[in-house]
Protein backbone atom coordinates (compact mmCIF):
# COMPACT_ATOMS: atom_id res chain seq x y z
CA MET A 1 -1.94 -8.49 13.38
CA THR A 2 1.44 -8.12 13.82
CA LYS A 3 4.38 -10.08 12.05
CA SER A 4 4.86 -13.01 14.75
CA GLU A 5 1.23 -12.82 15.21
CA LEU A 6 0.98 -13.82 11.61
CA ILE A 7 3.54 -16.95 12.02
CA THR A 8 2.04 -18.53 14.94
CA GLU A 9 -1.23 -18.79 13.26
CA LEU A 10 0.51 -20.01 10.21
CA SER A 11 2.90 -22.14 11.94
CA ALA A 12 -1.03 -23.23 14.06
CA ALA A 13 -2.13 -24.32 10.49
CA ASN A 14 0.51 -26.15 9.03
CA PRO A 15 1.77 -28.31 11.91
CA HIS A 16 3.46 -30.52 9.23
CA LEU A 17 6.58 -26.97 9.33
CA LEU A 18 8.39 -25.72 12.58
CA GLY A 19 8.28 -22.54 13.75
CA ARG A 20 11.27 -21.99 12.62
CA ASP A 21 11.00 -22.56 8.53
CA VAL A 22 7.57 -20.71 8.53
CA GLU A 23 9.57 -17.90 10.24
CA THR A 24 11.99 -18.04 7.19
CA ILE A 25 8.65 -18.28 4.91
CA VAL A 26 7.28 -15.17 5.77
CA ALA A 27 10.78 -13.27 6.84
CA THR A 28 12.15 -14.13 2.65
CA ILE A 29 8.00 -13.15 1.45
CA PHE A 30 8.69 -9.67 3.29
CA ASN A 31 12.23 -9.31 1.87
CA GLU A 32 11.42 -10.25 -1.97
CA ILE A 33 8.44 -7.88 -1.66
CA THR A 34 10.94 -5.05 -0.19
CA ALA A 35 13.71 -5.87 -2.97
CA ALA A 36 11.75 -5.55 -5.74
CA LEU A 37 10.07 -2.32 -4.27
CA ALA A 38 13.49 -1.40 -3.97
CA ARG A 39 14.17 -1.65 -7.70
CA GLY A 40 11.39 0.07 -8.56
CA GLU A 41 9.38 -2.85 -9.26
CA ARG A 42 5.43 -3.53 -8.92
CA VAL A 43 4.75 -6.59 -6.94
CA GLU A 44 0.89 -7.74 -7.12
CA LEU A 45 -0.57 -10.26 -5.81
CA ARG A 46 -3.75 -11.42 -7.31
CA GLY A 47 -7.01 -11.27 -4.83
CA PHE A 48 -4.74 -9.61 -2.73
CA GLY A 49 -3.32 -6.35 -3.97
CA ALA A 50 -0.68 -4.84 -5.51
CA PHE A 51 2.75 -2.65 -3.91
CA THR A 52 4.01 0.19 -6.15
CA VAL A 53 6.16 2.79 -5.26
CA LYS A 54 5.03 6.24 -5.36
CA ARG A 55 7.62 9.50 -5.96
CA ARG A 56 7.21 12.40 -3.87
CA ASP A 57 9.07 16.11 -5.90
CA ALA A 58 10.88 17.75 -3.37
CA ARG A 59 8.56 20.59 -1.55
CA THR A 60 9.39 23.55 0.73
CA GLY A 61 7.54 22.70 3.96
CA ARG A 62 6.88 24.38 6.94
CA ASN A 63 8.60 23.47 10.40
CA PRO A 64 5.01 23.45 12.72
CA ARG A 65 7.25 24.63 15.69
CA THR A 66 8.46 27.66 14.42
CA GLY A 67 6.70 28.27 10.71
CA VAL A 68 10.12 28.34 9.38
CA ALA A 69 10.76 27.18 5.68
CA VAL A 70 12.06 24.37 5.40
CA ALA A 71 13.46 22.06 2.43
CA VAL A 72 11.72 18.97 1.65
CA ASP A 73 14.30 16.48 -0.65
CA GLU A 74 12.44 14.26 -3.26
CA LYS A 75 11.40 10.76 -1.63
CA ALA A 76 9.90 7.29 -2.98
CA VAL A 77 7.01 6.31 -0.70
CA PRO A 78 5.77 2.68 -0.76
CA PHE A 79 2.01 2.53 -2.32
CA PHE A 80 -0.54 -0.10 -1.94
CA LYS A 81 -3.87 -0.48 -3.38
CA ALA A 82 -6.36 -3.28 -2.26
CA GLY A 83 -7.33 -5.83 -4.89
CA LYS A 84 -10.88 -5.85 -5.37
CA GLU A 85 -11.47 -9.81 -4.16
CA LEU A 86 -9.58 -8.35 -0.90
CA ARG A 87 -12.10 -5.46 -0.51
CA GLU A 88 -14.77 -7.39 -1.30
CA ARG A 89 -13.91 -9.74 1.71
CA VAL A 90 -12.96 -7.16 4.07
CA ASN A 91 -16.66 -4.93 2.97
CA ARG A 92 -18.13 -8.03 3.38
CA GLN A 93 -17.24 -8.90 6.62
CA THR A 94 -17.44 -5.58 8.52
CA PRO A 95 -19.80 -5.25 11.62
CA ALA A 96 -22.68 -2.59 11.77
CA ARG A 97 -21.82 -0.12 13.40
CA PRO A 98 -23.96 0.54 16.85
CA ALA A 99 -26.87 3.40 16.24
CA ALA A 100 -24.73 5.67 18.31
CA ALA A 101 -21.90 5.97 16.75
CA ARG A 102 -23.68 6.27 12.87
CA VAL A 103 -23.85 10.12 11.73
CA PRO A 104 -27.20 11.81 10.06
CA ALA A 105 -26.81 12.13 6.36
């Protein structure tokens, strides 16, 4: 689902809200999550999951084309861990794979 599809679905589910208001709400939520992560804070949405920032140390990488060693700086990467309720709902809703797609054990 894209951001615009989310806005469309929320607008349809809440006809009392204007489309531009729903767009503002969604943008505000995303901006607040982003700002909190930029400050190094943890964002937890009960039943959905938690967003955190993980640090990756500086390291020496390789250019895959030439094989030359390249210095890769330290960086922060966003990380999402799904909550228990989200995992349960996703697993409950997962359709069974066709027999041909199953890998024998």
